[in-house]
Amino acid sequence: MSADAQLGYLNYGAPTRNPFNYAKTEQISRDIATSWLTLDEITQQINLFDDESQDSYLESLELAVRMAIEDYLGMSIFPTSYRVWYNASSLYGTPLTLDLPAVSQNFNPAQPGVVVNAVKYWDDNNPPVLNVVPANQYYYDPSGNKVVIANLPTNLNGSMTSPVYCEYTTAANPLAQYPVIKQAGLLWLTHLYNNRSETTGPIQHRIPLGVDVLLRPYKPLVM
């Protein structure tokens, strides 16, 4: 098959993921209570034995480290839910596709790493009405990290910037149990435990892996 024929084949039907067709993404649900690293693993790491006076502090550090690693790797250690918005102008092709920015694997390889909770759109009524796309009209394509939809109605709202959105949940990623990733978590926790300020030394040098790394994933992108 020629290169031209291959390109023609790729662009026929569901569009490819270059570029991604979502406009923005929101994190709408996240586990901020369950421990990933155990207190036993933590106290062994920092050589803190038979002292339970800092347990609540260590648990808060563990949660911060776990969330930072999820953000750094783009990987859900525990299930996380998202809402992703799409411009009407980016939805083309038959069938239509909705690219998902964050995905996961599953402990059971026979099951997908993503559960699509809903696909919704605002119609052209005044005021607009939010409609739900029936679940039998779409499916998740794990090979392309996207939702494939048979079609959307022609009455999408033309005044709204992004009249279509998809809500989905990523599964807990099995990679989170790999020793190399858990050891990285313990190293990061030790770093934060030993450095309780953003700066260190008489010249006040900023420590690496500090506030910037923890907060950067949440800073809005200004275009």
N, C-alpha and C. Protein backbone atom coordinates (compact mmCIF):
# COMPACT_ATOMS: atom_id res chain seq x y z
N MET A 1 0.85 -1.19 0.00
CA MET A 1 0.00 0.00 0.00
C MET A 1 0.88 1.24 0.00
N SER A 2 0.58 2.21 -0.86
CA SER A 2 1.38 3.42 -0.96
C SER A 2 1.18 4.30 0.27
N ALA A 3 2.10 5.27 0.46
CA ALA A 3 1.98 6.20 1.59
C ALA A 3 0.71 7.01 1.46
N ASP A 4 0.38 7.44 0.24
CA ASP A 4 -0.84 8.22 0.03
C ASP A 4 -2.07 7.41 0.39
N ALA A 5 -2.04 6.14 0.01
CA ALA A 5 -3.19 5.28 0.32
C ALA A 5 -3.31 5.06 1.81
N GLN A 6 -2.17 4.91 2.50
CA GLN A 6 -2.20 4.73 3.94
C GLN A 6 -2.76 5.97 4.63
N LEU A 7 -2.32 7.16 4.20
CA LEU A 7 -2.83 8.38 4.80
C LEU A 7 -4.31 8.52 4.56
N GLY A 8 -4.73 8.17 3.34
CA GLY A 8 -6.15 8.24 3.04
C GLY A 8 -6.95 7.29 3.90
N TYR A 9 -6.37 6.12 4.18
CA TYR A 9 -7.07 5.15 5.02
C TYR A 9 -7.17 5.65 6.45
N LEU A 10 -6.07 6.26 6.96
CA LEU A 10 -6.08 6.73 8.34
C LEU A 10 -7.10 7.86 8.54
N ASN A 11 -7.30 8.67 7.54
CA ASN A 11 -8.20 9.80 7.68
C ASN A 11 -9.63 9.46 7.30
N TYR A 12 -9.87 8.22 6.93
CA TYR A 12 -11.22 7.80 6.62
C TYR A 12 -11.87 7.26 7.89
N GLY A 13 -13.05 7.74 8.18
CA GLY A 13 -13.73 7.28 9.38
C GLY A 13 -13.27 8.07 10.59
N ALA A 14 -13.02 7.37 11.71
CA ALA A 14 -12.66 8.05 12.96
C ALA A 14 -11.34 8.78 12.80
N PRO A 15 -11.29 10.09 13.13
CA PRO A 15 -10.05 10.86 12.98
C PRO A 15 -8.95 10.33 13.89
N THR A 16 -7.69 10.63 13.52
CA THR A 16 -6.56 10.23 14.35
C THR A 16 -6.41 11.22 15.50
N ARG A 17 -5.43 10.95 16.39
CA ARG A 17 -5.25 11.77 17.60
C ARG A 17 -4.17 12.84 17.38
N ASN A 18 -4.00 13.33 16.20
CA ASN A 18 -3.02 14.39 15.97
C ASN A 18 -3.65 15.49 15.14
N PRO A 19 -4.05 16.63 15.72
CA PRO A 19 -3.90 16.93 17.14
C PRO A 19 -5.07 16.39 17.96
N PHE A 20 -4.96 16.45 19.29
CA PHE A 20 -6.06 16.05 20.15
C PHE A 20 -7.22 17.03 19.97
N ASN A 21 -8.44 16.53 20.07
CA ASN A 21 -9.57 17.39 19.75
C ASN A 21 -10.33 17.92 20.96
N TYR A 22 -9.78 17.77 22.18
CA TYR A 22 -10.49 18.33 23.33
C TYR A 22 -10.06 19.78 23.56
N ALA A 23 -10.97 20.56 24.15
CA ALA A 23 -10.69 21.98 24.39
C ALA A 23 -10.13 22.22 25.79
N LYS A 24 -10.67 21.54 26.79
CA LYS A 24 -10.17 21.67 28.15
C LYS A 24 -10.57 20.44 28.94
N THR A 25 -9.92 20.25 30.07
CA THR A 25 -10.22 19.10 30.92
C THR A 25 -10.30 19.54 32.38
N GLU A 26 -11.18 18.90 33.13
CA GLU A 26 -11.36 19.20 34.55
C GLU A 26 -11.30 17.89 35.34
N GLN A 27 -10.65 17.93 36.47
CA GLN A 27 -10.66 16.78 37.38
C GLN A 27 -11.84 16.96 38.32
N ILE A 28 -12.78 16.03 38.31
CA ILE A 28 -14.02 16.22 39.06
C ILE A 28 -14.14 15.31 40.28
N SER A 29 -13.29 14.30 40.37
CA SER A 29 -13.33 13.42 41.55
C SER A 29 -11.98 12.74 41.70
N ARG A 30 -11.49 12.72 42.96
CA ARG A 30 -10.19 12.12 43.23
C ARG A 30 -10.13 11.64 44.67
N ASP A 31 -9.53 10.50 44.89
CA ASP A 31 -9.38 9.94 46.23
C ASP A 31 -8.32 10.75 46.98
N ILE A 32 -8.73 11.44 48.04
CA ILE A 32 -7.78 12.22 48.84
C ILE A 32 -7.75 11.72 50.28
N ALA A 33 -8.01 10.43 50.45
CA ALA A 33 -8.03 9.87 51.80
C ALA A 33 -7.27 8.55 51.92
N THR A 34 -7.31 7.71 50.89
CA THR A 34 -6.73 6.37 50.98
C THR A 34 -5.21 6.41 50.90
N SER A 35 -4.56 5.67 51.78
CA SER A 35 -3.09 5.62 51.78
C SER A 35 -2.58 4.68 50.70
N TRP A 36 -1.49 5.07 50.10
CA TRP A 36 -0.80 4.23 49.11
C TRP A 36 0.42 3.57 49.77
N LEU A 37 1.27 4.39 50.36
CA LEU A 37 2.40 3.88 51.14
C LEU A 37 1.93 3.66 52.58
N THR A 38 2.30 2.54 53.16
CA THR A 38 1.87 2.25 54.53
C THR A 38 2.77 2.96 55.53
N LEU A 39 2.24 3.16 56.74
CA LEU A 39 3.04 3.76 57.81
C LEU A 39 4.27 2.91 58.12
N ASP A 40 4.14 1.61 58.03
CA ASP A 40 5.28 0.73 58.28
C ASP A 40 6.38 0.97 57.24
N GLU A 41 5.98 1.07 55.96
CA GLU A 41 6.97 1.35 54.92
C GLU A 41 7.64 2.72 55.14
N ILE A 42 6.85 3.69 55.57
CA ILE A 42 7.37 5.05 55.76
C ILE A 42 8.34 5.10 56.94
N THR A 43 7.94 4.52 58.07
CA THR A 43 8.81 4.58 59.25
C THR A 43 10.09 3.78 59.04
N GLN A 44 10.01 2.69 58.29
CA GLN A 44 11.23 1.95 57.94
C GLN A 44 12.15 2.82 57.10
N GLN A 45 11.56 3.58 56.17
CA GLN A 45 12.35 4.41 55.26
C GLN A 45 13.08 5.51 56.00
N ILE A 46 12.43 6.16 56.95
CA ILE A 46 13.04 7.32 57.62
C ILE A 46 13.61 6.96 58.99
N ASN A 47 13.69 5.64 59.27
CA ASN A 47 14.28 5.16 60.52
C ASN A 47 13.60 5.76 61.74
N LEU A 48 12.29 5.78 61.72
CA LEU A 48 11.51 6.33 62.83
C LEU A 48 10.74 5.18 63.46
N PHE A 49 11.33 4.57 64.48
CA PHE A 49 10.75 3.37 65.07
C PHE A 49 10.11 3.68 66.42
N ASP A 50 9.01 2.99 66.70
CA ASP A 50 8.34 3.08 68.01
C ASP A 50 7.98 4.51 68.39
N ASP A 51 7.74 5.35 67.41
CA ASP A 51 7.32 6.72 67.68
C ASP A 51 6.10 7.01 66.82
N GLU A 52 4.94 7.04 67.47
CA GLU A 52 3.69 7.27 66.74
C GLU A 52 3.23 8.72 66.82
N SER A 53 4.05 9.59 67.41
CA SER A 53 3.64 10.97 67.62
C SER A 53 3.53 11.76 66.31
N GLN A 54 4.19 11.28 65.25
CA GLN A 54 4.17 12.00 63.98
C GLN A 54 3.33 11.30 62.92
N ASP A 55 2.54 10.33 63.34
CA ASP A 55 1.80 9.54 62.36
C ASP A 55 0.89 10.39 61.48
N SER A 56 0.16 11.32 62.08
CA SER A 56 -0.76 12.13 61.28
C SER A 56 0.01 13.01 60.29
N TYR A 57 1.16 13.52 60.70
CA TYR A 57 1.98 14.32 59.79
C TYR A 57 2.52 13.46 58.65
N LEU A 58 2.98 12.26 58.97
CA LEU A 58 3.50 11.36 57.95
C LEU A 58 2.39 10.96 56.97
N GLU A 59 1.19 10.77 57.48
CA GLU A 59 0.07 10.43 56.60
C GLU A 59 -0.26 11.57 55.65
N SER A 60 -0.16 12.82 56.13
CA SER A 60 -0.42 13.96 55.26
C SER A 60 0.68 14.09 54.20
N LEU A 61 1.93 13.80 54.57
CA LEU A 61 3.02 13.81 53.59
C LEU A 61 2.81 12.71 52.55
N GLU A 62 2.38 11.55 53.02
CA GLU A 62 2.16 10.43 52.10
C GLU A 62 1.12 10.79 51.06
N LEU A 63 0.04 11.44 51.49
CA LEU A 63 -1.01 11.82 50.55
C LEU A 63 -0.49 12.83 49.53
N ALA A 64 0.29 13.82 49.99
CA ALA A 64 0.85 14.81 49.07
C ALA A 64 1.79 14.16 48.06
N VAL A 65 2.61 13.22 48.53
CA VAL A 65 3.54 12.53 47.65
C VAL A 65 2.79 11.68 46.63
N ARG A 66 1.78 10.96 47.10
CA ARG A 66 1.00 10.12 46.17
C ARG A 66 0.36 10.94 45.07
N MET A 67 -0.24 12.08 45.45
CA MET A 67 -0.88 12.93 44.45
C MET A 67 0.15 13.53 43.50
N ALA A 68 1.33 13.91 44.04
CA ALA A 68 2.38 14.48 43.19
C ALA A 68 2.88 13.45 42.18
N ILE A 69 3.01 12.19 42.60
CA ILE A 69 3.45 11.15 41.68
C ILE A 69 2.39 10.88 40.62
N GLU A 70 1.12 10.87 41.01
CA GLU A 70 0.05 10.72 40.02
C GLU A 70 0.13 11.83 38.98
N ASP A 71 0.35 13.07 39.44
CA ASP A 71 0.42 14.20 38.52
C ASP A 71 1.67 14.13 37.65
N TYR A 72 2.78 13.74 38.26
CA TYR A 72 4.05 13.69 37.53
C TYR A 72 4.00 12.63 36.42
N LEU A 73 3.46 11.47 36.74
CA LEU A 73 3.41 10.37 35.77
C LEU A 73 2.16 10.40 34.90
N GLY A 74 1.17 11.23 35.27
CA GLY A 74 -0.10 11.18 34.56
C GLY A 74 -0.77 9.82 34.74
N MET A 75 -0.66 9.27 35.94
CA MET A 75 -1.11 7.91 36.22
C MET A 75 -1.98 7.91 37.46
N SER A 76 -3.12 7.25 37.41
CA SER A 76 -4.01 7.20 38.57
C SER A 76 -3.64 6.02 39.46
N ILE A 77 -3.09 6.33 40.64
CA ILE A 77 -2.80 5.28 41.61
C ILE A 77 -4.12 4.76 42.19
N PHE A 78 -5.08 5.66 42.36
CA PHE A 78 -6.45 5.29 42.70
C PHE A 78 -7.37 5.91 41.65
N PRO A 79 -8.57 5.36 41.46
CA PRO A 79 -9.45 5.88 40.40
C PRO A 79 -9.65 7.39 40.50
N THR A 80 -9.63 8.03 39.33
CA THR A 80 -9.80 9.47 39.22
C THR A 80 -10.79 9.76 38.10
N SER A 81 -11.66 10.75 38.33
CA SER A 81 -12.68 11.08 37.33
C SER A 81 -12.42 12.44 36.70
N TYR A 82 -12.75 12.54 35.42
CA TYR A 82 -12.50 13.76 34.65
C TYR A 82 -13.75 14.16 33.86
N ARG A 83 -13.82 15.46 33.55
CA ARG A 83 -14.79 15.98 32.59
C ARG A 83 -13.99 16.68 31.50
N VAL A 84 -14.20 16.30 30.25
CA VAL A 84 -13.44 16.84 29.13
C VAL A 84 -14.41 17.50 28.15
N TRP A 85 -14.06 18.73 27.73
CA TRP A 85 -14.93 19.53 26.88
C TRP A 85 -14.39 19.55 25.45
N TYR A 86 -15.33 19.64 24.48
CA TYR A 86 -14.97 19.59 23.06
C TYR A 86 -15.68 20.70 22.29
N ASN A 87 -14.93 21.38 21.43
CA ASN A 87 -15.52 22.37 20.53
C ASN A 87 -16.29 21.66 19.42
N ALA A 88 -17.39 22.23 18.99
CA ALA A 88 -18.17 21.64 17.91
C ALA A 88 -17.34 21.55 16.63
N SER A 89 -16.47 22.54 16.39
CA SER A 89 -15.69 22.57 15.16
C SER A 89 -14.64 21.47 15.09
N SER A 90 -14.30 20.86 16.26
CA SER A 90 -13.29 19.81 16.27
C SER A 90 -13.89 18.42 16.10
N LEU A 91 -15.20 18.35 16.03
CA LEU A 91 -15.88 17.06 15.92
C LEU A 91 -16.25 16.82 14.47
N TYR A 92 -15.52 15.94 13.82
CA TYR A 92 -15.77 15.66 12.41
C TYR A 92 -15.46 14.19 12.15
N GLY A 93 -15.82 13.74 10.97
CA GLY A 93 -15.58 12.35 10.61
C GLY A 93 -16.75 11.46 11.00
N THR A 94 -16.79 10.28 10.43
CA THR A 94 -17.83 9.31 10.74
C THR A 94 -17.17 7.96 10.97
N PRO A 95 -17.21 7.41 12.16
CA PRO A 95 -17.88 7.95 13.34
C PRO A 95 -17.07 9.10 13.97
N LEU A 96 -17.70 9.79 14.93
CA LEU A 96 -17.03 10.86 15.66
C LEU A 96 -16.16 10.27 16.76
N THR A 97 -15.11 10.99 17.17
CA THR A 97 -14.27 10.52 18.27
C THR A 97 -14.03 11.65 19.26
N LEU A 98 -13.91 11.28 20.52
CA LEU A 98 -13.59 12.20 21.60
C LEU A 98 -12.29 11.73 22.24
N ASP A 99 -11.20 12.48 22.03
CA ASP A 99 -9.92 12.11 22.63
C ASP A 99 -9.96 12.31 24.13
N LEU A 100 -9.34 11.40 24.88
CA LEU A 100 -9.27 11.49 26.33
C LEU A 100 -7.83 11.82 26.74
N PRO A 101 -7.63 12.87 27.54
CA PRO A 101 -6.26 13.30 27.87
C PRO A 101 -5.55 12.43 28.89
N ALA A 102 -6.28 11.78 29.78
CA ALA A 102 -5.67 10.95 30.82
C ALA A 102 -6.33 9.58 30.81
N VAL A 103 -5.53 8.53 30.70
CA VAL A 103 -6.06 7.17 30.65
C VAL A 103 -5.28 6.29 31.62
N SER A 104 -5.61 5.02 31.67
CA SER A 104 -4.97 4.11 32.62
C SER A 104 -4.99 2.70 32.07
N GLN A 105 -4.40 1.79 32.84
CA GLN A 105 -4.47 0.37 32.58
C GLN A 105 -5.38 -0.25 33.63
N ASN A 106 -5.55 -1.55 33.56
CA ASN A 106 -6.40 -2.24 34.51
C ASN A 106 -5.64 -3.43 35.07
N PHE A 107 -5.87 -3.74 36.36
CA PHE A 107 -5.24 -4.94 36.94
C PHE A 107 -5.65 -6.19 36.18
N ASN A 108 -6.88 -6.20 35.66
CA ASN A 108 -7.36 -7.28 34.81
C ASN A 108 -7.17 -6.86 33.36
N PRO A 109 -6.20 -7.45 32.64
CA PRO A 109 -5.92 -7.00 31.27
C PRO A 109 -7.09 -7.19 30.32
N ALA A 110 -8.07 -7.99 30.71
CA ALA A 110 -9.24 -8.19 29.86
C ALA A 110 -10.23 -7.03 29.98
N GLN A 111 -10.01 -6.15 30.96
CA GLN A 111 -10.92 -5.03 31.17
C GLN A 111 -10.22 -3.72 30.81
N PRO A 112 -10.97 -2.71 30.36
CA PRO A 112 -10.35 -1.44 29.98
C PRO A 112 -9.89 -0.66 31.20
N GLY A 113 -8.98 0.26 30.97
CA GLY A 113 -8.50 1.11 32.05
C GLY A 113 -9.33 2.35 32.24
N VAL A 114 -10.38 2.51 31.44
CA VAL A 114 -11.25 3.68 31.49
C VAL A 114 -12.70 3.24 31.47
N VAL A 115 -13.52 3.87 32.29
CA VAL A 115 -14.97 3.68 32.25
C VAL A 115 -15.59 5.02 31.85
N VAL A 116 -16.32 5.03 30.75
CA VAL A 116 -17.00 6.24 30.30
C VAL A 116 -18.32 6.35 31.06
N ASN A 117 -18.46 7.41 31.84
CA ASN A 117 -19.65 7.58 32.67
C ASN A 117 -20.79 8.27 31.93
N ALA A 118 -20.45 9.22 31.05
CA ALA A 118 -21.51 9.94 30.34
C ALA A 118 -20.91 10.75 29.20
N VAL A 119 -21.68 10.91 28.14
CA VAL A 119 -21.39 11.86 27.08
C VAL A 119 -22.62 12.76 26.97
N LYS A 120 -22.40 14.09 27.06
CA LYS A 120 -23.52 15.02 27.07
C LYS A 120 -23.25 16.18 26.12
N TYR A 121 -24.32 16.85 25.70
CA TYR A 121 -24.16 18.01 24.82
C TYR A 121 -25.27 19.02 25.09
N TRP A 122 -24.95 20.29 24.85
CA TRP A 122 -25.93 21.37 24.95
C TRP A 122 -26.53 21.62 23.58
N ASP A 123 -27.86 21.68 23.51
CA ASP A 123 -28.51 21.88 22.21
C ASP A 123 -28.70 23.37 21.92
N ASP A 124 -29.36 23.67 20.79
CA ASP A 124 -29.49 25.05 20.34
C ASP A 124 -30.78 25.72 20.80
N ASN A 125 -31.45 25.15 21.81
CA ASN A 125 -32.60 25.84 22.39
C ASN A 125 -32.14 27.10 23.12
N ASN A 126 -33.08 27.98 23.43
CA ASN A 126 -32.77 29.21 24.17
C ASN A 126 -33.72 29.31 25.37
N PRO A 127 -33.21 29.02 26.59
CA PRO A 127 -31.82 28.68 26.92
C PRO A 127 -31.48 27.25 26.52
N PRO A 128 -30.16 26.96 26.39
CA PRO A 128 -29.75 25.61 25.97
C PRO A 128 -30.19 24.54 26.96
N VAL A 129 -30.44 23.35 26.45
CA VAL A 129 -30.82 22.20 27.26
C VAL A 129 -29.71 21.16 27.17
N LEU A 130 -29.31 20.63 28.33
CA LEU A 130 -28.27 19.60 28.38
C LEU A 130 -28.88 18.25 28.07
N ASN A 131 -28.35 17.56 27.08
CA ASN A 131 -28.84 16.25 26.65
C ASN A 131 -27.81 15.16 26.91
N VAL A 132 -28.29 13.97 27.18
CA VAL A 132 -27.42 12.81 27.43
C VAL A 132 -27.43 11.90 26.22
N VAL A 133 -26.26 11.56 25.72
CA VAL A 133 -26.15 10.62 24.61
C VAL A 133 -26.33 9.21 25.16
N PRO A 134 -27.24 8.41 24.60
CA PRO A 134 -27.45 7.04 25.11
C PRO A 134 -26.15 6.23 25.09
N ALA A 135 -25.95 5.44 26.13
CA ALA A 135 -24.71 4.67 26.27
C ALA A 135 -24.49 3.69 25.13
N ASN A 136 -25.56 3.24 24.48
CA ASN A 136 -25.39 2.29 23.38
C ASN A 136 -24.97 2.97 22.08
N GLN A 137 -24.77 4.30 22.13
CA GLN A 137 -24.36 5.04 20.95
C GLN A 137 -22.85 5.31 20.91
N TYR A 138 -22.12 4.84 21.95
CA TYR A 138 -20.68 5.08 21.96
C TYR A 138 -19.96 3.94 22.67
N TYR A 139 -18.64 3.87 22.49
CA TYR A 139 -17.81 2.90 23.20
C TYR A 139 -16.40 3.48 23.35
N TYR A 140 -15.64 2.92 24.29
CA TYR A 140 -14.26 3.36 24.51
C TYR A 140 -13.32 2.52 23.67
N ASP A 141 -12.43 3.18 22.95
CA ASP A 141 -11.42 2.51 22.13
C ASP A 141 -10.08 2.58 22.84
N PRO A 142 -9.64 1.50 23.54
CA PRO A 142 -8.39 1.54 24.28
C PRO A 142 -7.17 1.62 23.38
N SER A 143 -7.29 1.24 22.12
CA SER A 143 -6.15 1.30 21.21
C SER A 143 -5.82 2.73 20.81
N GLY A 144 -6.81 3.62 20.93
CA GLY A 144 -6.57 5.01 20.56
C GLY A 144 -6.86 5.99 21.67
N ASN A 145 -7.20 5.48 22.87
CA ASN A 145 -7.51 6.33 24.03
C ASN A 145 -8.57 7.36 23.68
N LYS A 146 -9.67 6.89 23.14
CA LYS A 146 -10.73 7.80 22.71
C LYS A 146 -12.08 7.13 22.81
N VAL A 147 -13.13 7.97 22.84
CA VAL A 147 -14.50 7.50 22.80
C VAL A 147 -14.99 7.62 21.36
N VAL A 148 -15.56 6.56 20.85
CA VAL A 148 -16.07 6.54 19.48
C VAL A 148 -17.60 6.61 19.55
N ILE A 149 -18.16 7.60 18.85
CA ILE A 149 -19.61 7.83 18.87
C ILE A 149 -20.16 7.64 17.46
N ALA A 150 -21.30 6.98 17.36
CA ALA A 150 -21.92 6.78 16.05
C ALA A 150 -22.15 8.12 15.37
N ASN A 151 -22.77 9.05 16.07
CA ASN A 151 -22.95 10.41 15.57
C ASN A 151 -23.57 11.26 16.66
N LEU A 152 -23.48 12.56 16.50
CA LEU A 152 -24.14 13.50 17.40
C LEU A 152 -25.25 14.22 16.64
N PRO A 153 -26.29 14.64 17.32
CA PRO A 153 -27.38 15.37 16.65
C PRO A 153 -26.86 16.65 16.00
N THR A 154 -27.60 17.15 15.04
CA THR A 154 -27.19 18.35 14.32
C THR A 154 -27.55 19.63 15.05
N ASN A 155 -28.25 19.50 16.19
CA ASN A 155 -28.69 20.71 16.90
C ASN A 155 -27.77 21.09 18.04
N LEU A 156 -26.42 20.88 17.86
CA LEU A 156 -25.47 21.32 18.86
C LEU A 156 -25.53 22.84 18.99
N ASN A 157 -25.30 23.33 20.19
CA ASN A 157 -25.33 24.77 20.42
C ASN A 157 -24.15 25.44 19.71
N GLY A 158 -24.45 26.39 18.85
CA GLY A 158 -23.41 27.05 18.08
C GLY A 158 -22.84 28.27 18.76
N SER A 159 -23.43 28.71 19.87
CA SER A 159 -22.95 29.90 20.57
C SER A 159 -21.97 29.55 21.68
N MET A 160 -22.08 28.36 22.22
CA MET A 160 -21.18 27.94 23.30
C MET A 160 -19.82 27.54 22.73
N THR A 161 -18.77 27.84 23.49
CA THR A 161 -17.42 27.49 23.03
C THR A 161 -17.24 25.99 22.91
N SER A 162 -17.70 25.26 23.92
CA SER A 162 -17.54 23.80 23.93
C SER A 162 -18.86 23.16 24.37
N PRO A 163 -19.74 22.84 23.43
CA PRO A 163 -21.07 22.34 23.80
C PRO A 163 -21.12 20.85 24.11
N VAL A 164 -20.01 20.13 23.98
CA VAL A 164 -19.99 18.68 24.21
C VAL A 164 -19.00 18.36 25.30
N TYR A 165 -19.37 17.46 26.21
CA TYR A 165 -18.39 16.99 27.17
C TYR A 165 -18.58 15.50 27.47
N CYS A 166 -17.47 14.91 27.93
CA CYS A 166 -17.45 13.49 28.29
C CYS A 166 -16.94 13.38 29.72
N GLU A 167 -17.60 12.58 30.54
CA GLU A 167 -17.16 12.30 31.90
C GLU A 167 -16.72 10.84 31.96
N TYR A 168 -15.55 10.61 32.54
CA TYR A 168 -15.03 9.25 32.60
C TYR A 168 -14.15 9.07 33.83
N THR A 169 -13.89 7.80 34.17
CA THR A 169 -13.07 7.47 35.34
C THR A 169 -11.95 6.54 34.92
N THR A 170 -10.73 6.86 35.34
CA THR A 170 -9.59 5.99 35.08
C THR A 170 -9.46 4.97 36.20
N ALA A 171 -9.08 3.77 35.85
CA ALA A 171 -8.91 2.70 36.84
C ALA A 171 -7.59 2.88 37.59
N ALA A 172 -7.50 2.26 38.76
CA ALA A 172 -6.22 2.24 39.49
C ALA A 172 -5.19 1.53 38.63
N ASN A 173 -4.06 2.18 38.41
CA ASN A 173 -3.05 1.64 37.52
C ASN A 173 -2.20 0.59 38.23
N PRO A 174 -2.04 -0.59 37.65
CA PRO A 174 -1.22 -1.63 38.31
C PRO A 174 0.24 -1.24 38.46
N LEU A 175 0.73 -0.29 37.64
CA LEU A 175 2.12 0.14 37.76
C LEU A 175 2.41 0.77 39.11
N ALA A 176 1.36 1.25 39.79
CA ALA A 176 1.54 1.89 41.09
C ALA A 176 2.10 0.93 42.13
N GLN A 177 1.97 -0.37 41.91
CA GLN A 177 2.49 -1.35 42.85
C GLN A 177 3.90 -1.82 42.51
N TYR A 178 4.46 -1.30 41.44
CA TYR A 178 5.83 -1.68 41.08
C TYR A 178 6.79 -1.15 42.15
N PRO A 179 7.73 -1.97 42.60
CA PRO A 179 8.67 -1.52 43.65
C PRO A 179 9.42 -0.25 43.28
N VAL A 180 9.77 -0.08 42.00
CA VAL A 180 10.54 1.10 41.61
C VAL A 180 9.72 2.37 41.81
N ILE A 181 8.42 2.31 41.57
CA ILE A 181 7.58 3.50 41.75
C ILE A 181 7.32 3.75 43.23
N LYS A 182 7.12 2.70 43.99
CA LYS A 182 6.92 2.89 45.43
C LYS A 182 8.20 3.41 46.09
N GLN A 183 9.36 2.95 45.61
CA GLN A 183 10.62 3.46 46.17
C GLN A 183 10.78 4.94 45.84
N ALA A 184 10.38 5.35 44.65
CA ALA A 184 10.41 6.77 44.30
C ALA A 184 9.52 7.57 45.25
N GLY A 185 8.36 7.00 45.59
CA GLY A 185 7.48 7.66 46.54
C GLY A 185 8.11 7.80 47.91
N LEU A 186 8.80 6.76 48.37
CA LEU A 186 9.47 6.82 49.67
C LEU A 186 10.61 7.83 49.67
N LEU A 187 11.35 7.90 48.56
CA LEU A 187 12.43 8.88 48.45
C LEU A 187 11.88 10.30 48.49
N TRP A 188 10.79 10.52 47.79
CA TRP A 188 10.20 11.86 47.75
C TRP A 188 9.65 12.24 49.12
N LEU A 189 9.02 11.28 49.81
CA LEU A 189 8.51 11.55 51.14
C LEU A 189 9.65 11.89 52.10
N THR A 190 10.76 11.16 52.00
CA THR A 190 11.92 11.44 52.84
C THR A 190 12.44 12.85 52.59
N HIS A 191 12.46 13.23 51.34
CA HIS A 191 12.92 14.58 50.97
C HIS A 191 12.04 15.65 51.63
N LEU A 192 10.73 15.49 51.57
CA LEU A 192 9.82 16.47 52.17
C LEU A 192 9.89 16.43 53.69
N TYR A 193 10.09 15.26 54.26
CA TYR A 193 10.19 15.12 55.72
C TYR A 193 11.44 15.84 56.25
N ASN A 194 12.53 15.71 55.50
CA ASN A 194 13.79 16.31 55.94
C ASN A 194 13.92 17.79 55.59
N ASN A 195 13.07 18.26 54.69
CA ASN A 195 13.13 19.66 54.26
C ASN A 195 11.74 20.27 54.43
N ARG A 196 11.53 20.90 55.57
CA ARG A 196 10.19 21.39 55.90
C ARG A 196 10.01 22.86 55.54
N SER A 197 10.89 23.36 54.72
CA SER A 197 10.77 24.73 54.24
C SER A 197 11.04 24.74 52.74
N GLU A 198 10.57 25.77 52.05
CA GLU A 198 10.81 25.91 50.62
C GLU A 198 12.26 26.28 50.34
N THR A 199 12.95 26.83 51.34
CA THR A 199 14.35 27.24 51.15
C THR A 199 15.22 26.57 52.20
N THR A 200 16.52 26.56 51.96
CA THR A 200 17.45 25.96 52.90
C THR A 200 18.79 26.68 52.85
N GLY A 201 19.54 26.65 53.95
CA GLY A 201 20.87 27.25 53.99
C GLY A 201 20.83 28.74 54.25
N PRO A 202 21.98 29.30 54.66
CA PRO A 202 22.04 30.73 54.99
C PRO A 202 21.77 31.64 53.79
N ILE A 203 22.02 31.16 52.58
CA ILE A 203 21.79 31.98 51.39
C ILE A 203 20.37 31.76 50.86
N GLN A 204 19.62 30.90 51.51
CA GLN A 204 18.23 30.63 51.15
C GLN A 204 18.06 30.13 49.71
N HIS A 205 18.74 29.03 49.41
CA HIS A 205 18.54 28.37 48.13
C HIS A 205 17.22 27.61 48.16
N ARG A 206 16.50 27.63 47.05
CA ARG A 206 15.26 26.85 46.97
C ARG A 206 15.61 25.38 46.80
N ILE A 207 14.93 24.53 47.54
CA ILE A 207 15.20 23.10 47.44
C ILE A 207 14.55 22.54 46.19
N PRO A 208 15.16 21.53 45.57
CA PRO A 208 14.51 20.88 44.43
C PRO A 208 13.31 20.05 44.89
N LEU A 209 12.45 19.71 43.98
CA LEU A 209 11.27 18.89 44.27
C LEU A 209 10.43 19.51 45.37
N GLY A 210 10.33 20.82 45.38
CA GLY A 210 9.56 21.52 46.41
C GLY A 210 8.22 22.00 45.92
N VAL A 211 7.91 23.25 46.27
CA VAL A 211 6.59 23.79 45.98
C VAL A 211 6.27 23.78 44.49
N ASP A 212 7.23 24.14 43.65
CA ASP A 212 6.97 24.21 42.22
C ASP A 212 6.50 22.88 41.66
N VAL A 213 7.19 21.81 42.04
CA VAL A 213 6.85 20.49 41.51
C VAL A 213 5.47 20.05 42.01
N LEU A 214 5.16 20.38 43.26
CA LEU A 214 3.88 19.96 43.82
C LEU A 214 2.71 20.73 43.21
N LEU A 215 2.92 21.99 42.89
CA LEU A 215 1.81 22.83 42.45
C LEU A 215 1.72 23.03 40.94
N ARG A 216 2.80 22.75 40.21
CA ARG A 216 2.80 23.04 38.77
C ARG A 216 1.63 22.40 38.02
N PRO A 217 1.23 21.15 38.32
CA PRO A 217 0.11 20.56 37.56
C PRO A 217 -1.20 21.31 37.70
N TYR A 218 -1.32 22.15 38.73
CA TYR A 218 -2.60 22.82 38.98
C TYR A 218 -2.60 24.27 38.52
N LYS A 219 -1.49 24.73 37.96
CA LYS A 219 -1.41 26.13 37.51
C LYS A 219 -2.11 26.25 36.17
N PRO A 220 -3.10 27.16 36.07
CA PRO A 220 -3.81 27.31 34.80
C PRO A 220 -2.88 27.76 33.68
N LEU A 221 -3.08 27.20 32.50
CA LEU A 221 -2.29 27.57 31.35
C LEU A 221 -2.85 28.86 30.76
N VAL A 222 -2.02 29.90 30.68
CA VAL A 222 -2.45 31.19 30.13
C VAL A 222 -1.95 31.28 28.69
N MET A 223 -2.87 31.40 27.77
CA MET A 223 -2.52 31.44 26.34
C MET A 223 -2.32 32.90 25.91
